C-alpha atoms as a PDB file:
ATOM      1  CA  MET A   1     106.464  58.545 -42.337  1.00  0.00           C
ATOM      2  CA  ASN A   2     105.730  61.635 -44.389  1.00  0.00           C
ATOM      3  CA  THR A   3     102.299  62.238 -45.932  1.00  0.00           C
ATOM      4  CA  HIS A   4     103.643  62.184 -49.499  1.00  0.00           C
ATOM      5  CA  ILE A   5     104.817  58.575 -49.076  1.00  0.00           C
ATOM      6  CA  ILE A   6     101.502  57.579 -47.502  1.00  0.00           C
ATOM      7  CA  TYR A   7      99.524  59.229 -50.322  1.00  0.00           C
ATOM      8  CA  THR A   8     101.707  57.580 -52.987  1.00  0.00           C
ATOM      9  CA  SER A   9     101.330  54.168 -51.303  1.00  0.00           C
ATOM     10  CA  LEU A  10      97.541  54.527 -51.142  1.00  0.00           C
ATOM     11  CA  LEU A  11      97.434  55.615 -54.766  1.00  0.00           C
ATOM     12  CA  LEU A  12      99.356  52.486 -55.802  1.00  0.00           C
ATOM     13  CA  ILE A  13      96.985  50.294 -53.780  1.00  0.00           C
ATOM     14  CA  PHE A  14      93.916  51.806 -55.432  1.00  0.00           C
ATOM     15  CA  GLN A  15      95.432  51.592 -58.923  1.00  0.00           C
ATOM     16  CA  ASN A  16      95.914  47.857 -58.460  1.00  0.00           C
ATOM     17  CA  THR A  17      92.157  47.238 -58.439  1.00  0.00           C
ATOM     18  CA  MET A  18      89.211  48.198 -60.591  1.00  0.00           C
ATOM     19  CA  THR A  19      85.619  47.641 -59.527  1.00  0.00           C
ATOM     20  CA  LEU A  20      83.454  45.757 -62.015  1.00  0.00           C
ATOM     21  CA  TYR A  21      80.310  45.881 -59.868  1.00  0.00           C
ATOM     22  CA  ASP A  22      79.780  47.230 -56.360  1.00  0.00           C
ATOM     23  CA  PHE A  23      76.378  46.297 -54.981  1.00  0.00           C
ATOM     24  CA  ASN A  24      74.583  48.822 -52.770  1.00  0.00           C
ATOM     25  CA  THR A  25      71.046  49.897 -51.927  1.00  0.00           C
ATOM     26  CA  ASP A  26      70.888  51.892 -55.192  1.00  0.00           C
ATOM     27  CA  SER A  27      71.808  48.864 -57.352  1.00  0.00           C
ATOM     28  CA  LYS A  28      69.160  47.618 -59.752  1.00  0.00           C
ATOM     29  CA  ALA A  29      68.287  43.934 -59.850  1.00  0.00           C
ATOM     30  CA  ASN A  30      67.179  44.296 -63.473  1.00  0.00           C
ATOM     31  CA  ASP A  31      70.837  44.955 -64.401  1.00  0.00           C
ATOM     32  CA  TRP A  32      71.146  41.172 -63.978  1.00  0.00           C
ATOM     33  CA  LEU A  33      69.353  38.442 -65.949  1.00  0.00           C
ATOM     34  CA  VAL A  34      68.459  35.038 -64.498  1.00  0.00           C
ATOM     35  CA  VAL A  35      68.720  32.128 -66.960  1.00  0.00           C
ATOM     36  CA  ASP A  36      67.613  28.745 -65.647  1.00  0.00           C
ATOM     37  CA  ASP A  37      67.440  25.303 -67.236  1.00  0.00           C
ATOM     38  CA  VAL A  38      63.793  26.081 -68.149  1.00  0.00           C
ATOM     39  CA  VAL A  39      65.223  27.328 -71.472  1.00  0.00           C
ATOM     40  CA  MET A  40      65.711  23.620 -72.270  1.00  0.00           C
ATOM     41  CA  GLY A  41      62.722  22.162 -70.412  1.00  0.00           C
ATOM     42  CA  GLY A  42      64.159  21.947 -66.890  1.00  0.00           C
ATOM     43  CA  ARG A  43      62.440  23.035 -63.687  1.00  0.00           C
ATOM     44  CA  SER A  44      65.091  24.966 -61.737  1.00  0.00           C
ATOM     45  CA  ASP A  45      64.016  28.318 -60.334  1.00  0.00           C
ATOM     46  CA  GLY A  46      66.608  31.020 -59.642  1.00  0.00           C
ATOM     47  CA  ASN A  47      65.970  34.536 -58.456  1.00  0.00           C
ATOM     48  CA  PHE A  48      68.079  37.665 -58.195  1.00  0.00           C
ATOM     49  CA  TYR A  49      67.390  40.732 -56.063  1.00  0.00           C
ATOM     50  CA  ILE A  50      69.075  43.447 -54.011  1.00  0.00           C
ATOM     51  CA  ASP A  51      68.470  42.969 -50.279  1.00  0.00           C
ATOM     52  CA  GLU A  52      67.885  45.684 -47.669  1.00  0.00           C
ATOM     53  CA  ASP A  53      71.636  45.862 -46.968  1.00  0.00           C
ATOM     54  CA  GLY A  54      72.429  46.451 -50.646  1.00  0.00           C
ATOM     55  CA  TYR A  55      73.869  43.012 -51.451  1.00  0.00           C
ATOM     56  CA  GLY A  56      73.123  41.167 -54.668  1.00  0.00           C
ATOM     57  CA  ILE A  57      71.292  37.944 -53.779  1.00  0.00           C
ATOM     58  CA  PHE A  58      71.260  34.994 -56.184  1.00  0.00           C
ATOM     59  CA  GLU A  59      69.105  32.235 -54.713  1.00  0.00           C
ATOM     60  CA  GLY A  60      66.659  29.529 -55.606  1.00  0.00           C
ATOM     61  CA  GLU A  61      66.215  25.837 -56.259  1.00  0.00           C
ATOM     62  CA  VAL A  62      68.099  23.627 -58.697  1.00  0.00           C
ATOM     63  CA  SER A  63      65.963  20.760 -59.981  1.00  0.00           C
ATOM     64  CA  LEU A  64      67.085  17.710 -61.957  1.00  0.00           C
ATOM     65  CA  GLU A  65      63.583  17.146 -63.381  1.00  0.00           C
ATOM     66  CA  ASN A  66      63.247  17.078 -67.180  1.00  0.00           C
ATOM     67  CA  ASN A  67      67.045  16.841 -67.590  1.00  0.00           C
ATOM     68  CA  GLY A  68      67.540  20.149 -65.801  1.00  0.00           C
ATOM     69  CA  GLY A  69      70.169  21.028 -63.270  1.00  0.00           C
ATOM     70  CA  PHE A  70      71.354  24.629 -63.365  1.00  0.00           C
ATOM     71  CA  SER A  71      70.526  28.222 -62.569  1.00  0.00           C
ATOM     72  CA  SER A  72      72.546  31.251 -63.572  1.00  0.00           C
ATOM     73  CA  VAL A  73      72.569  35.027 -63.389  1.00  0.00           C
ATOM     74  CA  ARG A  74      74.483  37.332 -65.702  1.00  0.00           C
ATOM     75  CA  HIS A  75      75.249  40.982 -66.256  1.00  0.00           C
ATOM     76  CA  ASN A  76      76.075  42.552 -69.614  1.00  0.00           C
ATOM     77  CA  CYS A  77      78.507  45.431 -69.343  1.00  0.00           C
ATOM     78  CA  ASN A  78      80.222  47.825 -71.694  1.00  0.00           C
ATOM     79  CA  THR A  79      83.436  46.410 -73.096  1.00  0.00           C
ATOM     80  CA  ILE A  80      86.044  46.505 -70.324  1.00  0.00           C
ATOM     81  CA  ASN A  81      89.724  46.300 -71.186  1.00  0.00           C
ATOM     82  CA  VAL A  82      91.235  43.939 -68.606  1.00  0.00           C
ATOM     83  CA  SER A  83      94.679  43.516 -70.167  1.00  0.00           C
ATOM     84  CA  ASP A  84      96.351  45.270 -67.184  1.00  0.00           C
ATOM     85  CA  TYR A  85      94.781  42.840 -64.706  1.00  0.00           C
ATOM     86  CA  SER A  86      95.384  39.180 -63.872  1.00  0.00           C
ATOM     87  CA  LYS A  87      92.406  38.033 -61.797  1.00  0.00           C
ATOM     88  CA  ILE A  88      88.893  38.683 -60.570  1.00  0.00           C
ATOM     89  CA  ARG A  89      88.190  39.099 -56.858  1.00  0.00           C
ATOM     90  CA  LEU A  90      84.737  38.250 -55.498  1.00  0.00           C
ATOM     91  CA  HIS A  91      83.533  39.613 -52.150  1.00  0.00           C
ATOM     92  CA  ILE A  92      80.862  37.054 -51.279  1.00  0.00           C
ATOM     93  CA  ARG A  93      79.086  34.942 -48.703  1.00  0.00           C
ATOM     94  CA  GLY A  94      77.589  31.654 -49.772  1.00  0.00           C
ATOM     95  CA  ASP A  95      75.973  28.536 -48.477  1.00  0.00           C
ATOM     96  CA  GLY A  96      78.774  25.992 -48.793  1.00  0.00           C
ATOM     97  CA  SER A  97      77.938  25.160 -52.419  1.00  0.00           C
ATOM     98  CA  THR A  98      80.266  25.179 -55.387  1.00  0.00           C
ATOM     99  CA  TYR A  99      79.510  27.897 -57.949  1.00  0.00           C
ATOM    100  CA  GLN A 100      80.998  28.977 -61.238  1.00  0.00           C
ATOM    101  CA  LEU A 101      82.148  32.463 -62.080  1.00  0.00           C
ATOM    102  CA  ARG A 102      81.484  32.937 -65.787  1.00  0.00           C
ATOM    103  CA  ILE A 103      82.677  35.665 -68.108  1.00  0.00           C
ATOM    104  CA  LYS A 104      82.512  36.396 -71.813  1.00  0.00           C
ATOM    105  CA  SER A 105      85.077  38.435 -73.619  1.00  0.00           C
ATOM    106  CA  ASN A 106      82.492  39.054 -76.346  1.00  0.00           C
ATOM    107  CA  ARG A 107      78.811  38.797 -75.396  1.00  0.00           C
ATOM    108  CA  SER A 108      77.975  37.330 -78.830  1.00  0.00           C
ATOM    109  CA  ASP A 109      80.294  34.331 -78.271  1.00  0.00           C
ATOM    110  CA  TYR A 110      78.351  31.094 -77.836  1.00  0.00           C
ATOM    111  CA  TYR A 111      80.691  30.001 -75.038  1.00  0.00           C
ATOM    112  CA  SER A 112      81.774  31.445 -71.690  1.00  0.00           C
ATOM    113  CA  TYR A 113      84.952  31.165 -69.669  1.00  0.00           C
ATOM    114  CA  ALA A 114      84.301  29.543 -66.297  1.00  0.00           C
ATOM    115  CA  ALA A 115      86.080  28.767 -63.058  1.00  0.00           C
ATOM    116  CA  TYR A 116      84.687  26.948 -60.031  1.00  0.00           C
ATOM    117  CA  PHE A 117      84.831  28.340 -56.526  1.00  0.00           C
ATOM    118  CA  GLN A 118      83.685  27.014 -53.169  1.00  0.00           C
ATOM    119  CA  SER A 119      81.505  29.269 -51.025  1.00  0.00           C
ATOM    120  CA  ASP A 120      81.084  29.192 -47.268  1.00  0.00           C
ATOM    121  CA  ASN A 121      78.810  30.831 -44.696  1.00  0.00           C
ATOM    122  CA  ASN A 122      81.232  33.666 -43.875  1.00  0.00           C
ATOM    123  CA  TRP A 123      81.978  36.835 -45.797  1.00  0.00           C
ATOM    124  CA  GLY A 124      85.258  36.520 -47.627  1.00  0.00           C
ATOM    125  CA  THR A 125      87.104  37.052 -50.855  1.00  0.00           C
ATOM    126  CA  VAL A 126      87.749  34.601 -53.652  1.00  0.00           C
ATOM    127  CA  ASP A 127      90.469  35.363 -56.196  1.00  0.00           C
ATOM    128  CA  ILE A 128      90.174  33.714 -59.605  1.00  0.00           C
ATOM    129  CA  PRO A 129      93.139  34.070 -61.979  1.00  0.00           C
ATOM    130  CA  PHE A 130      92.179  34.711 -65.599  1.00  0.00           C
ATOM    131  CA  ARG A 131      94.414  31.815 -66.702  1.00  0.00           C
ATOM    132  CA  ALA A 132      92.195  29.444 -64.651  1.00  0.00           C
ATOM    133  CA  MET A 133      89.066  30.368 -66.607  1.00  0.00           C
ATOM    134  CA  ALA A 134      88.380  27.639 -69.172  1.00  0.00           C
ATOM    135  CA  PRO A 135      85.995  27.827 -72.141  1.00  0.00           C
ATOM    136  CA  VAL A 136      82.709  25.965 -71.649  1.00  0.00           C
ATOM    137  CA  PHE A 137      79.414  25.578 -73.497  1.00  0.00           C
ATOM    138  CA  ARG A 138      76.320  23.875 -72.090  1.00  0.00           C
ATOM    139  CA  GLY A 139      78.311  22.168 -69.351  1.00  0.00           C
ATOM    140  CA  ARG A 140      81.008  20.846 -71.667  1.00  0.00           C
ATOM    141  CA  ASP A 141      84.661  21.841 -71.763  1.00  0.00           C
ATOM    142  CA  LEU A 142      85.812  23.139 -75.133  1.00  0.00           C
ATOM    143  CA  ASP A 143      89.115  22.559 -76.884  1.00  0.00           C
ATOM    144  CA  LEU A 144      90.009  26.261 -76.945  1.00  0.00           C
ATOM    145  CA  PRO A 145      92.586  28.287 -75.007  1.00  0.00           C
ATOM    146  CA  ASN A 146      91.739  29.588 -71.544  1.00  0.00           C
ATOM    147  CA  PHE A 147      90.757  33.235 -71.114  1.00  0.00           C
ATOM    148  CA  LYS A 148      93.528  35.500 -72.393  1.00  0.00           C
ATOM    149  CA  GLY A 149      92.555  38.471 -70.256  1.00  0.00           C
ATOM    150  CA  GLU A 150      91.840  41.045 -72.952  1.00  0.00           C
ATOM    151  CA  THR A 151      88.215  42.222 -72.601  1.00  0.00           C
ATOM    152  CA  ILE A 152      85.068  41.404 -70.626  1.00  0.00           C
ATOM    153  CA  GLU A 153      81.537  42.109 -71.867  1.00  0.00           C
ATOM    154  CA  GLU A 154      79.550  39.764 -69.571  1.00  0.00           C
ATOM    155  CA  ILE A 155      79.997  38.466 -66.053  1.00  0.00           C
ATOM    156  CA  GLY A 156      77.841  35.981 -64.175  1.00  0.00           C
ATOM    157  CA  PHE A 157      77.418  33.123 -61.743  1.00  0.00           C
ATOM    158  CA  LEU A 158      76.099  29.612 -62.283  1.00  0.00           C
ATOM    159  CA  ILE A 159      75.218  26.756 -59.986  1.00  0.00           C
ATOM    160  CA  GLY A 160      74.918  23.275 -61.463  1.00  0.00           C
ATOM    161  CA  ASN A 161      76.377  20.553 -59.268  1.00  0.00           C
ATOM    162  CA  LYS A 162      74.474  17.602 -60.742  1.00  0.00           C
ATOM    163  CA  LYS A 163      72.154  17.482 -57.736  1.00  0.00           C
ATOM    164  CA  ALA A 164      68.868  18.998 -56.658  1.00  0.00           C
ATOM    165  CA  GLN A 165      69.547  21.693 -54.092  1.00  0.00           C
ATOM    166  CA  SER A 166      68.565  25.027 -52.604  1.00  0.00           C
ATOM    167  CA  PHE A 167      71.174  27.750 -53.000  1.00  0.00           C
ATOM    168  CA  LYS A 168      71.960  31.290 -51.889  1.00  0.00           C
ATOM    169  CA  LEU A 169      74.938  33.424 -52.870  1.00  0.00           C
ATOM    170  CA  GLN A 170      75.319  36.960 -51.492  1.00  0.00           C
ATOM    171  CA  ILE A 171      77.514  39.278 -53.564  1.00  0.00           C
ATOM    172  CA  ASP A 172      79.025  42.495 -52.253  1.00  0.00           C
ATOM    173  CA  LYS A 173      81.579  43.453 -54.899  1.00  0.00           C
ATOM    174  CA  ILE A 174      83.356  42.161 -57.992  1.00  0.00           C
ATOM    175  CA  GLU A 175      86.794  43.581 -58.728  1.00  0.00           C
ATOM    176  CA  LEU A 176      89.691  43.236 -61.126  1.00  0.00           C
ATOM    177  CA  ILE A 177      93.109  42.762 -59.500  1.00  0.00           C
ATOM    178  CA  LYS A 178      96.523  43.361 -61.106  1.00  0.00           C
END
């Protein structure tokens, strides 16, 4: 195979993805904001940090006390045009729990678009199509269309499985896929 064909093939592969966030040892934990149910009187306690290997770590305890039951972490970003893409790919390792990927197309919207994904104890990828991301607010589904895939201004993760539990999600990279 000639080198021109190889180069063109590699270029097409790289153009089919765009990195939203690539965690590494230079990443800053304060780029991410933890929001727990304490904002409404709950007692859950989430934490976010960058470990020695450069992974983003979202971990803590979900408590059902005082009508609580969730922990989340989110990252505000500049407006990203995602109209050329169809899904988000997560490079993660979890703990077997179900999490939500949450995005906002406009950070001032009161609602987010969310999709559930199951984690496991091995590193892997999870692909979430934009069309699977449904509008939610405070744990309730909204009667609005699913994410149209135009822009993203916030991305985050939430755990809230209606049970008290410890959790740990390791995040390596978040990408857009055509």
